[in-house]
Amino acid sequence: MHLTTRQIVYPEGDSQEIEHTLSINQLVDINGFPLASPLTTTRMIVYRVFRISTESLKGEDIIRYYLDQLLRDEMEELVV
């Protein structure tokens, strides 16, 4: 049996397991769920996936999605 574990890694280094896949430059909320573009407000915490790494262990792959927090100025460009 081969397991696949997916984790989001916050800029501070903390991580959280997620059940879904993400892609580079995808916008996600604080829990790692994808956000629809355009954003409706700048009053939220938004991250962008900037790197993906895979670690292969015996019987398990760990996929890590590294996040970078967007600044308010960056978010304003994405709001309707």
PDB file of N, CA and C in Angstrom:
ATOM      1  N   MET A   1       0.848  -1.180   0.000  1.00  0.00           N
ATOM      2  CA  MET A   1       0.000   0.000   0.000  1.00  0.00           C
ATOM      3  C   MET A   1       0.893   1.242   0.000  1.00  0.00           C
ATOM      4  N   HIS A   2       0.544   2.196  -0.842  1.00  0.00           N
ATOM      5  CA  HIS A   2       1.329   3.416  -0.974  1.00  0.00           C
ATOM      6  C   HIS A   2       0.450   4.615  -0.615  1.00  0.00           C
ATOM      7  N   LEU A   3       0.893   5.415   0.337  1.00  0.00           N
ATOM      8  CA  LEU A   3       0.137   6.588   0.791  1.00  0.00           C
ATOM      9  C   LEU A   3       0.676   7.861   0.160  1.00  0.00           C
ATOM     10  N   THR A   4      -0.204   8.822  -0.054  1.00  0.00           N
ATOM     11  CA  THR A   4       0.203  10.153  -0.487  1.00  0.00           C
ATOM     12  C   THR A   4      -0.352  11.157   0.517  1.00  0.00           C
ATOM     13  N   THR A   5       0.540  11.936   1.113  1.00  0.00           N
ATOM     14  CA  THR A   5       0.165  12.962   2.078  1.00  0.00           C
ATOM     15  C   THR A   5       0.439  14.323   1.452  1.00  0.00           C
ATOM     16  N   ARG A   6      -0.521  15.232   1.577  1.00  0.00           N
ATOM     17  CA  ARG A   6      -0.355  16.598   1.058  1.00  0.00           C
ATOM     18  C   ARG A   6      -0.373  17.579   2.225  1.00  0.00           C
ATOM     19  N   GLN A   7       0.576  18.512   2.185  1.00  0.00           N
ATOM     20  CA  GLN A   7       0.674  19.510   3.252  1.00  0.00           C
ATOM     21  C   GLN A   7       0.863  20.889   2.648  1.00  0.00           C
ATOM     22  N   ILE A   8       0.264  21.890   3.295  1.00  0.00           N
ATOM     23  CA  ILE A   8       0.601  23.274   2.982  1.00  0.00           C
ATOM     24  C   ILE A   8       1.589  23.731   4.040  1.00  0.00           C
ATOM     25  N   VAL A   9       2.572  24.512   3.598  1.00  0.00           N
ATOM     26  CA  VAL A   9       3.599  25.026   4.504  1.00  0.00           C
ATOM     27  C   VAL A   9       3.506  26.551   4.479  1.00  0.00           C
ATOM     28  N   TYR A  10       3.173  27.110   5.630  1.00  0.00           N
ATOM     29  CA  TYR A  10       3.014  28.559   5.762  1.00  0.00           C
ATOM     30  C   TYR A  10       4.379  29.244   5.789  1.00  0.00           C
ATOM     31  N   PRO A  11       4.429  30.558   5.519  1.00  0.00           N
ATOM     32  CA  PRO A  11       5.706  31.277   5.526  1.00  0.00           C
ATOM     33  C   PRO A  11       6.476  31.162   6.847  1.00  0.00           C
ATOM     34  N   GLU A  12       5.764  31.000   7.972  1.00  0.00           N
ATOM     35  CA  GLU A  12       6.425  30.888   9.277  1.00  0.00           C
ATOM     36  C   GLU A  12       7.042  29.505   9.485  1.00  0.00           C
ATOM     37  N   GLY A  13       6.696  28.539   8.616  1.00  0.00           N
ATOM     38  CA  GLY A  13       7.228  27.189   8.741  1.00  0.00           C
ATOM     39  C   GLY A  13       6.234  26.172   9.274  1.00  0.00           C
ATOM     40  N   ASP A  14       5.103  26.629   9.802  1.00  0.00           N
ATOM     41  CA  ASP A  14       4.067  25.697  10.262  1.00  0.00           C
ATOM     42  C   ASP A  14       3.472  24.978   9.055  1.00  0.00           C
ATOM     43  N   SER A  15       2.942  23.785   9.285  1.00  0.00           N
ATOM     44  CA  SER A  15       2.328  23.051   8.183  1.00  0.00           C
ATOM     45  C   SER A  15       0.995  22.477   8.615  1.00  0.00           C
ATOM     46  N   GLN A  16       0.172  22.168   7.616  1.00  0.00           N
ATOM     47  CA  GLN A  16      -1.161  21.615   7.847  1.00  0.00           C
ATOM     48  C   GLN A  16      -1.458  20.638   6.716  1.00  0.00           C
ATOM     49  N   GLU A  17      -2.010  19.484   7.064  1.00  0.00           N
ATOM     50  CA  GLU A  17      -2.354  18.491   6.056  1.00  0.00           C
ATOM     51  C   GLU A  17      -3.645  18.896   5.348  1.00  0.00           C
ATOM     52  N   ILE A  18      -3.663  18.686   4.025  1.00  0.00           N
ATOM     53  CA  ILE A  18      -4.858  18.964   3.227  1.00  0.00           C
ATOM     54  C   ILE A  18      -5.204  17.719   2.415  1.00  0.00           C
ATOM     55  N   GLU A  19      -6.409  17.678   1.883  1.00  0.00           N
ATOM     56  CA  GLU A  19      -6.891  16.506   1.144  1.00  0.00           C
ATOM     57  C   GLU A  19      -6.866  16.691  -0.373  1.00  0.00           C
ATOM     58  N   HIS A  20      -6.581  17.889  -0.861  1.00  0.00           N
ATOM     59  CA  HIS A  20      -6.682  18.184  -2.285  1.00  0.00           C
ATOM     60  C   HIS A  20      -5.341  18.622  -2.852  1.00  0.00           C
ATOM     61  N   THR A  21      -5.251  18.654  -4.172  1.00  0.00           N
ATOM     62  CA  THR A  21      -4.024  19.101  -4.826  1.00  0.00           C
ATOM     63  C   THR A  21      -4.115  20.591  -5.143  1.00  0.00           C
ATOM     64  N   LEU A  22      -2.957  21.218  -5.245  1.00  0.00           N
ATOM     65  CA  LEU A  22      -2.862  22.633  -5.596  1.00  0.00           C
ATOM     66  C   LEU A  22      -1.854  22.772  -6.729  1.00  0.00           C
ATOM     67  N   SER A  23      -1.776  23.948  -7.316  1.00  0.00           N
ATOM     68  CA  SER A  23      -0.816  24.196  -8.380  1.00  0.00           C
ATOM     69  C   SER A  23      -0.071  25.496  -8.124  1.00  0.00           C
ATOM     70  N   ILE A  24       1.038  25.665  -8.826  1.00  0.00           N
ATOM     71  CA  ILE A  24       1.857  26.878  -8.700  1.00  0.00           C
ATOM     72  C   ILE A  24       1.017  28.097  -9.046  1.00  0.00           C
ATOM     73  N   ASN A  25       1.189  29.170  -8.286  1.00  0.00           N
ATOM     74  CA  ASN A  25       0.506  30.460  -8.441  1.00  0.00           C
ATOM     75  C   ASN A  25      -0.982  30.418  -8.109  1.00  0.00           C
ATOM     76  N   GLN A  26      -1.460  29.308  -7.583  1.00  0.00           N
ATOM     77  CA  GLN A  26      -2.861  29.233  -7.184  1.00  0.00           C
ATOM     78  C   GLN A  26      -3.069  30.011  -5.886  1.00  0.00           C
ATOM     79  N   LEU A  27      -4.169  30.752  -5.812  1.00  0.00           N
ATOM     80  CA  LEU A  27      -4.507  31.505  -4.617  1.00  0.00           C
ATOM     81  C   LEU A  27      -5.341  30.632  -3.694  1.00  0.00           C
ATOM     82  N   VAL A  28      -4.985  30.635  -2.411  1.00  0.00           N
ATOM     83  CA  VAL A  28      -5.699  29.816  -1.431  1.00  0.00           C
ATOM     84  C   VAL A  28      -5.984  30.642  -0.185  1.00  0.00           C
ATOM     85  N   ASP A  29      -6.981  30.180   0.591  1.00  0.00           N
ATOM     86  CA  ASP A  29      -7.289  30.840   1.849  1.00  0.00           C
ATOM     87  C   ASP A  29      -6.395  30.284   2.958  1.00  0.00           C
ATOM     88  N   ILE A  30      -6.654  30.688   4.179  1.00  0.00           N
ATOM     89  CA  ILE A  30      -5.795  30.322   5.309  1.00  0.00           C
ATOM     90  C   ILE A  30      -5.789  28.813   5.588  1.00  0.00           C
ATOM     91  N   ASN A  31      -6.811  28.095   5.119  1.00  0.00           N
ATOM     92  CA  ASN A  31      -6.882  26.648   5.306  1.00  0.00           C
ATOM     93  C   ASN A  31      -6.435  25.864   4.083  1.00  0.00           C
ATOM     94  N   GLY A  32      -5.964  26.561   3.051  1.00  0.00           N
ATOM     95  CA  GLY A  32      -5.460  25.888   1.867  1.00  0.00           C
ATOM     96  C   GLY A  32      -6.492  25.588   0.806  1.00  0.00           C
ATOM     97  N   PHE A  33      -7.715  26.128   0.955  1.00  0.00           N
ATOM     98  CA  PHE A  33      -8.745  25.908  -0.055  1.00  0.00           C
ATOM     99  C   PHE A  33      -8.604  26.939  -1.170  1.00  0.00           C
ATOM    100  N   PRO A  34      -8.714  26.523  -2.422  1.00  0.00           N
ATOM    101  CA  PRO A  34      -8.573  27.450  -3.555  1.00  0.00           C
ATOM    102  C   PRO A  34      -9.604  28.567  -3.518  1.00  0.00           C
ATOM    103  N   LEU A  35      -9.169  29.758  -3.940  1.00  0.00           N
ATOM    104  CA  LEU A  35     -10.046  30.925  -4.023  1.00  0.00           C
ATOM    105  C   LEU A  35     -10.350  31.223  -5.485  1.00  0.00           C
ATOM    106  N   ALA A  36     -11.563  31.649  -5.738  1.00  0.00           N
ATOM    107  CA  ALA A  36     -11.957  32.026  -7.097  1.00  0.00           C
ATOM    108  C   ALA A  36     -11.474  33.444  -7.386  1.00  0.00           C
ATOM    109  N   SER A  37     -11.018  33.653  -8.595  1.00  0.00           N
ATOM    110  CA  SER A  37     -10.606  34.979  -9.033  1.00  0.00           C
ATOM    111  C   SER A  37     -11.729  35.564  -9.869  1.00  0.00           C
ATOM    112  N   PRO A  38     -12.024  36.818  -9.806  1.00  0.00           N
ATOM    113  CA  PRO A  38     -11.414  37.833  -8.964  1.00  0.00           C
ATOM    114  C   PRO A  38     -11.906  37.744  -7.524  1.00  0.00           C
ATOM    115  N   LEU A  39     -11.078  38.268  -6.624  1.00  0.00           N
ATOM    116  CA  LEU A  39     -11.441  38.286  -5.206  1.00  0.00           C
ATOM    117  C   LEU A  39     -12.540  39.316  -4.978  1.00  0.00           C
ATOM    118  N   THR A  40     -13.337  39.100  -3.936  1.00  0.00           N
ATOM    119  CA  THR A  40     -14.425  40.036  -3.648  1.00  0.00           C
ATOM    120  C   THR A  40     -14.022  41.141  -2.682  1.00  0.00           C
ATOM    121  N   THR A  41     -12.954  40.914  -1.910  1.00  0.00           N
ATOM    122  CA  THR A  41     -12.515  41.903  -0.925  1.00  0.00           C
ATOM    123  C   THR A  41     -11.026  41.715  -0.636  1.00  0.00           C
ATOM    124  N   THR A  42     -10.427  42.758  -0.062  1.00  0.00           N
ATOM    125  CA  THR A  42      -9.028  42.653   0.378  1.00  0.00           C
ATOM    126  C   THR A  42      -8.955  42.356   1.869  1.00  0.00           C
ATOM    127  N   ARG A  43     -10.097  42.191   2.510  1.00  0.00           N
ATOM    128  CA  ARG A  43     -10.160  41.956   3.957  1.00  0.00           C
ATOM    129  C   ARG A  43     -10.140  40.462   4.285  1.00  0.00           C
ATOM    130  N   MET A  44      -9.134  39.791   3.785  1.00  0.00           N
ATOM    131  CA  MET A  44      -8.969  38.379   4.066  1.00  0.00           C
ATOM    132  C   MET A  44      -7.492  38.021   3.944  1.00  0.00           C
ATOM    133  N   ILE A  45      -7.127  36.888   4.486  1.00  0.00           N
ATOM    134  CA  ILE A  45      -5.749  36.416   4.384  1.00  0.00           C
ATOM    135  C   ILE A  45      -5.670  35.505   3.170  1.00  0.00           C
ATOM    136  N   VAL A  46      -4.804  35.868   2.244  1.00  0.00           N
ATOM    137  CA  VAL A  46      -4.670  35.122   0.993  1.00  0.00           C
ATOM    138  C   VAL A  46      -3.212  34.722   0.806  1.00  0.00           C
ATOM    139  N   TYR A  47      -3.025  33.480   0.397  1.00  0.00           N
ATOM    140  CA  TYR A  47      -1.688  32.955   0.113  1.00  0.00           C
ATOM    141  C   TYR A  47      -1.613  32.531  -1.340  1.00  0.00           C
ATOM    142  N   ARG A  48      -0.392  32.525  -1.871  1.00  0.00           N
ATOM    143  CA  ARG A  48      -0.121  32.035  -3.219  1.00  0.00           C
ATOM    144  C   ARG A  48       0.850  30.874  -3.109  1.00  0.00           C
ATOM    145  N   VAL A  49       0.600  29.796  -3.827  1.00  0.00           N
ATOM    146  CA  VAL A  49       1.510  28.653  -3.853  1.00  0.00           C
ATOM    147  C   VAL A  49       2.701  29.045  -4.731  1.00  0.00           C
ATOM    148  N   PHE A  50       3.910  29.042  -4.146  1.00  0.00           N
ATOM    149  CA  PHE A  50       5.075  29.451  -4.924  1.00  0.00           C
ATOM    150  C   PHE A  50       6.069  28.323  -5.169  1.00  0.00           C
ATOM    151  N   ARG A  51       5.897  27.195  -4.477  1.00  0.00           N
ATOM    152  CA  ARG A  51       6.815  26.076  -4.670  1.00  0.00           C
ATOM    153  C   ARG A  51       6.115  24.787  -4.258  1.00  0.00           C
ATOM    154  N   ILE A  52       6.403  23.717  -4.974  1.00  0.00           N
ATOM    155  CA  ILE A  52       5.878  22.400  -4.647  1.00  0.00           C
ATOM    156  C   ILE A  52       7.052  21.431  -4.594  1.00  0.00           C
ATOM    157  N   SER A  53       7.119  20.647  -3.522  1.00  0.00           N
ATOM    158  CA  SER A  53       8.177  19.633  -3.430  1.00  0.00           C
ATOM    159  C   SER A  53       7.547  18.292  -3.072  1.00  0.00           C
ATOM    160  N   THR A  54       8.216  17.224  -3.498  1.00  0.00           N
ATOM    161  CA  THR A  54       7.761  15.873  -3.198  1.00  0.00           C
ATOM    162  C   THR A  54       8.889  15.107  -2.532  1.00  0.00           C
ATOM    163  N   GLU A  55       8.583  14.514  -1.398  1.00  0.00           N
ATOM    164  CA  GLU A  55       9.533  13.671  -0.675  1.00  0.00           C
ATOM    165  C   GLU A  55       9.013  12.238  -0.748  1.00  0.00           C
ATOM    166  N   SER A  56       9.818  11.352  -1.298  1.00  0.00           N
ATOM    167  CA  SER A  56       9.421   9.951  -1.428  1.00  0.00           C
ATOM    168  C   SER A  56      10.070   9.126  -0.331  1.00  0.00           C
ATOM    169  N   LEU A  57       9.236   8.538   0.495  1.00  0.00           N
ATOM    170  CA  LEU A  57       9.688   7.665   1.558  1.00  0.00           C
ATOM    171  C   LEU A  57       9.210   6.256   1.240  1.00  0.00           C
ATOM    172  N   LYS A  58       9.638   5.290   2.009  1.00  0.00           N
ATOM    173  CA  LYS A  58       9.214   3.917   1.781  1.00  0.00           C
ATOM    174  C   LYS A  58       7.715   3.802   2.087  1.00  0.00           C
ATOM    175  N   GLY A  59       6.921   3.600   1.039  1.00  0.00           N
ATOM    176  CA  GLY A  59       5.487   3.441   1.214  1.00  0.00           C
ATOM    177  C   GLY A  59       4.693   4.733   1.300  1.00  0.00           C
ATOM    178  N   GLU A  60       5.354   5.883   1.155  1.00  0.00           N
ATOM    179  CA  GLU A  60       4.624   7.152   1.282  1.00  0.00           C
ATOM    180  C   GLU A  60       5.312   8.256   0.490  1.00  0.00           C
ATOM    181  N   ASP A  61       4.506   9.087  -0.155  1.00  0.00           N
ATOM    182  CA  ASP A  61       4.975  10.317  -0.788  1.00  0.00           C
ATOM    183  C   ASP A  61       4.382  11.487  -0.016  1.00  0.00           C
ATOM    184  N   ILE A  62       5.217  12.473   0.293  1.00  0.00           N
ATOM    185  CA  ILE A  62       4.742  13.683   0.962  1.00  0.00           C
ATOM    186  C   ILE A  62       4.903  14.835  -0.013  1.00  0.00           C
ATOM    187  N   ILE A  63       3.778  15.417  -0.398  1.00  0.00           N
ATOM    188  CA  ILE A  63       3.783  16.564  -1.307  1.00  0.00           C
ATOM    189  C   ILE A  63       3.570  17.809  -0.462  1.00  0.00           C
ATOM    190  N   ARG A  64       4.509  18.749  -0.560  1.00  0.00           N
ATOM    191  CA  ARG A  64       4.422  19.990   0.217  1.00  0.00           C
ATOM    192  C   ARG A  64       4.201  21.173  -0.722  1.00  0.00           C
ATOM    193  N   TYR A  65       3.203  21.975  -0.380  1.00  0.00           N
ATOM    194  CA  TYR A  65       2.884  23.186  -1.120  1.00  0.00           C
ATOM    195  C   TYR A  65       3.310  24.368  -0.258  1.00  0.00           C
ATOM    196  N   TYR A  66       4.309  25.103  -0.695  1.00  0.00           N
ATOM    197  CA  TYR A  66       4.828  26.237   0.071  1.00  0.00           C
ATOM    198  C   TYR A  66       4.054  27.496  -0.299  1.00  0.00           C
ATOM    199  N   LEU A  67       3.616  28.218   0.731  1.00  0.00           N
ATOM    200  CA  LEU A  67       2.768  29.386   0.557  1.00  0.00           C
ATOM    201  C   LEU A  67       3.515  30.678   0.848  1.00  0.00           C
ATOM    202  N   ASP A  68       3.123  31.708   0.147  1.00  0.00           N
ATOM    203  CA  ASP A  68       3.636  33.061   0.360  1.00  0.00           C
ATOM    204  C   ASP A  68       2.421  33.968   0.525  1.00  0.00           C
ATOM    205  N   GLN A  69       2.389  34.741   1.605  1.00  0.00           N
ATOM    206  CA  GLN A  69       1.223  35.592   1.867  1.00  0.00           C
ATOM    207  C   GLN A  69       1.233  36.808   0.951  1.00  0.00           C
ATOM    208  N   LEU A  70       0.075  37.115   0.384  1.00  0.00           N
ATOM    209  CA  LEU A  70      -0.064  38.290  -0.461  1.00  0.00           C
ATOM    210  C   LEU A  70      -0.231  39.532   0.404  1.00  0.00           C
ATOM    211  N   LEU A  71       0.383  40.613  -0.030  1.00  0.00           N
ATOM    212  CA  LEU A  71       0.223  41.903   0.641  1.00  0.00           C
ATOM    213  C   LEU A  71      -1.067  42.553   0.137  1.00  0.00           C
ATOM    214  N   ARG A  72      -1.538  43.523   0.881  1.00  0.00           N
ATOM    215  CA  ARG A  72      -2.794  44.188   0.504  1.00  0.00           C
ATOM    216  C   ARG A  72      -2.704  44.820  -0.887  1.00  0.00           C
ATOM    217  N   ASP A  73      -1.559  45.421  -1.217  1.00  0.00           N
ATOM    218  CA  ASP A  73      -1.391  46.028  -2.542  1.00  0.00           C
ATOM    219  C   ASP A  73      -1.534  44.991  -3.653  1.00  0.00           C
ATOM    220  N   GLU A  74      -0.975  43.811  -3.436  1.00  0.00           N
ATOM    221  CA  GLU A  74      -1.084  42.738  -4.426  1.00  0.00           C
ATOM    222  C   GLU A  74      -2.527  42.267  -4.559  1.00  0.00           C
ATOM    223  N   MET A  75      -3.239  42.222  -3.435  1.00  0.00           N
ATOM    224  CA  MET A  75      -4.629  41.764  -3.442  1.00  0.00           C
ATOM    225  C   MET A  75      -5.538  42.767  -4.140  1.00  0.00           C
ATOM    226  N   GLU A  76      -5.250  44.047  -4.035  1.00  0.00           N
ATOM    227  CA  GLU A  76      -6.103  45.073  -4.652  1.00  0.00           C
ATOM    228  C   GLU A  76      -6.161  44.907  -6.170  1.00  0.00           C
ATOM    229  N   GLU A  77      -5.067  44.386  -6.761  1.00  0.00           N
ATOM    230  CA  GLU A  77      -5.043  44.152  -8.203  1.00  0.00           C
ATOM    231  C   GLU A  77      -5.964  42.989  -8.589  1.00  0.00           C
ATOM    232  N   LEU A  78      -6.315  42.142  -7.636  1.00  0.00           N
ATOM    233  CA  LEU A  78      -7.120  40.948  -7.914  1.00  0.00           C
ATOM    234  C   LEU A  78      -8.583  41.111  -7.525  1.00  0.00           C
ATOM    235  N   VAL A  79      -8.968  42.284  -7.006  1.00  0.00           N
ATOM    236  CA  VAL A  79     -10.352  42.520  -6.553  1.00  0.00           C
ATOM    237  C   VAL A  79     -11.160  43.121  -7.690  1.00  0.00           C
ATOM    238  N   VAL A  80     -12.440  42.728  -7.738  1.00  0.00           N
ATOM    239  CA  VAL A  80     -13.348  43.262  -8.767  1.00  0.00           C
ATOM    240  C   VAL A  80     -13.516  44.738  -8.601  1.00  0.00           C
TER     241      VAL A  80
END
